[in-house]
Structures are given as C-alpha cells and as structure tokens.
C-alpha atoms as a PDB file:
ATOM      1  CA  MET A   1      -0.229  -2.020 -16.224  1.00  0.00           C
ATOM      2  CA  ILE A   2      -1.760  -0.120 -13.349  1.00  0.00           C
ATOM      3  CA  SER A   3      -0.061   2.557 -10.971  1.00  0.00           C
ATOM      4  CA  VAL A   4      -1.815   3.414  -7.793  1.00  0.00           C
ATOM      5  CA  ILE A   5       0.062   6.369  -5.765  1.00  0.00           C
ATOM      6  CA  ILE A   6      -1.029   6.201  -1.959  1.00  0.00           C
ATOM      7  CA  PRO A   7       0.009   9.219   0.446  1.00  0.00           C
ATOM      8  CA  VAL A   8       0.465   8.226   3.723  1.00  0.00           C
ATOM      9  CA  TYR A   9       1.189   9.819   7.134  1.00  0.00           C
ATOM     10  CA  ASN A  10       1.513   7.973  10.489  1.00  0.00           C
ATOM     11  CA  SER A  11      -0.967   4.994   8.136  1.00  0.00           C
ATOM     12  CA  ALA A  12       0.162   2.310  10.658  1.00  0.00           C
ATOM     13  CA  ALA A  13      -3.060   1.514  11.724  1.00  0.00           C
ATOM     14  CA  TYR A  14      -5.044   0.918   8.180  1.00  0.00           C
ATOM     15  CA  ILE A  15      -2.490   0.703   5.741  1.00  0.00           C
ATOM     16  CA  ALA A  16      -2.616  -3.096   5.910  1.00  0.00           C
ATOM     17  CA  GLN A  17      -6.006  -3.119   5.184  1.00  0.00           C
ATOM     18  CA  THR A  18      -5.904   0.083   2.422  1.00  0.00           C
ATOM     19  CA  LEU A  19      -3.075  -2.292   0.799  1.00  0.00           C
ATOM     20  CA  ASP A  20      -5.432  -5.214   0.878  1.00  0.00           C
ATOM     21  CA  SER A  21      -8.524  -3.481  -0.366  1.00  0.00           C
ATOM     22  CA  VAL A  22      -6.006  -2.113  -3.514  1.00  0.00           C
ATOM     23  CA  THR A  23      -5.034  -5.467  -4.427  1.00  0.00           C
ATOM     24  CA  ALA A  24      -8.013  -6.794  -4.267  1.00  0.00           C
ATOM     25  CA  GLN A  25      -9.395  -4.750  -7.062  1.00  0.00           C
ATOM     26  CA  ARG A  26     -10.415  -6.360 -10.297  1.00  0.00           C
ATOM     27  CA  GLY A  27      -7.234  -5.610 -12.668  1.00  0.00           C
ATOM     28  CA  TYR A  28      -4.813  -6.746 -10.114  1.00  0.00           C
ATOM     29  CA  SER A  29      -6.998 -10.250  -9.560  1.00  0.00           C
ATOM     30  CA  ASP A  30      -7.488 -10.458 -13.146  1.00  0.00           C
ATOM     31  CA  GLY A  31      -3.458 -11.560 -13.430  1.00  0.00           C
ATOM     32  CA  ARG A  32      -2.645  -7.935 -14.831  1.00  0.00           C
ATOM     33  CA  SER A  33       0.678  -6.001 -13.348  1.00  0.00           C
ATOM     34  CA  MET A  34       0.315  -3.052 -10.703  1.00  0.00           C
ATOM     35  CA  GLU A  35       2.658  -1.086  -9.027  1.00  0.00           C
ATOM     36  CA  ILE A  36       1.655   0.132  -6.044  1.00  0.00           C
ATOM     37  CA  ILE A  37       3.406   3.570  -4.610  1.00  0.00           C
ATOM     38  CA  LEU A  38       3.901   4.872  -1.142  1.00  0.00           C
ATOM     39  CA  VAL A  39       4.402   8.463  -0.610  1.00  0.00           C
ATOM     40  CA  ASP A  40       5.872   8.813   3.655  1.00  0.00           C
ATOM     41  CA  ASP A  41       6.225  12.298   4.751  1.00  0.00           C
ATOM     42  CA  GLY A  42       7.866  11.539   7.607  1.00  0.00           C
ATOM     43  CA  SER A  43       5.526   9.350   9.937  1.00  0.00           C
ATOM     44  CA  GLY A  44       6.122   9.236  13.582  1.00  0.00           C
ATOM     45  CA  ASP A  45       4.708   5.792  13.631  1.00  0.00           C
ATOM     46  CA  ASP A  46       5.265   2.011  12.424  1.00  0.00           C
ATOM     47  CA  THR A  47       3.929   3.042   8.781  1.00  0.00           C
ATOM     48  CA  VAL A  48       7.330   2.338   6.927  1.00  0.00           C
ATOM     49  CA  LYS A  49       7.362  -1.274   9.539  1.00  0.00           C
ATOM     50  CA  VAL A  50       3.937  -2.372   8.815  1.00  0.00           C
ATOM     51  CA  VAL A  51       4.296  -1.612   4.552  1.00  0.00           C
ATOM     52  CA  ARG A  52       8.179  -3.582   4.930  1.00  0.00           C
ATOM     53  CA  ASP A  53       6.114  -6.597   6.456  1.00  0.00           C
ATOM     54  CA  TYR A  54       3.098  -6.524   4.368  1.00  0.00           C
ATOM     55  CA  VAL A  55       5.957  -6.929   1.315  1.00  0.00           C
ATOM     56  CA  ASN A  56       7.307  -9.344   2.531  1.00  0.00           C
END
C-alpha cells in the first residue's frame, strides 16, 4: 500500500488537480492500493466540499 499525506489550507482552487496528479502516478494506476490522507487546518473556502465531490 502507498500512503500519501497532503496538508491543505484554502486549497479549493487546485485540490482536484492535485488529487488527479497523485492518482495518476504509476503505483496507483498499476493496481496497487493507495490511501490519500488530507489534513485540513480550518480552511475558510470550499476545500472540504471539493474533496467530498471528488471522492463521490
């Protein structure tokens, strides 16, 4: 398993692109399991909403 930890703060404008980039990496696209942990320190924008929409 590959673990990726990404700190985020007011990242709504680019977090979906970041997640696209991480999931496009070779280890993940080769069928290996990956966990992505996002650590949000109280963003005041829509970061959490964007991530929830991305997951769904």
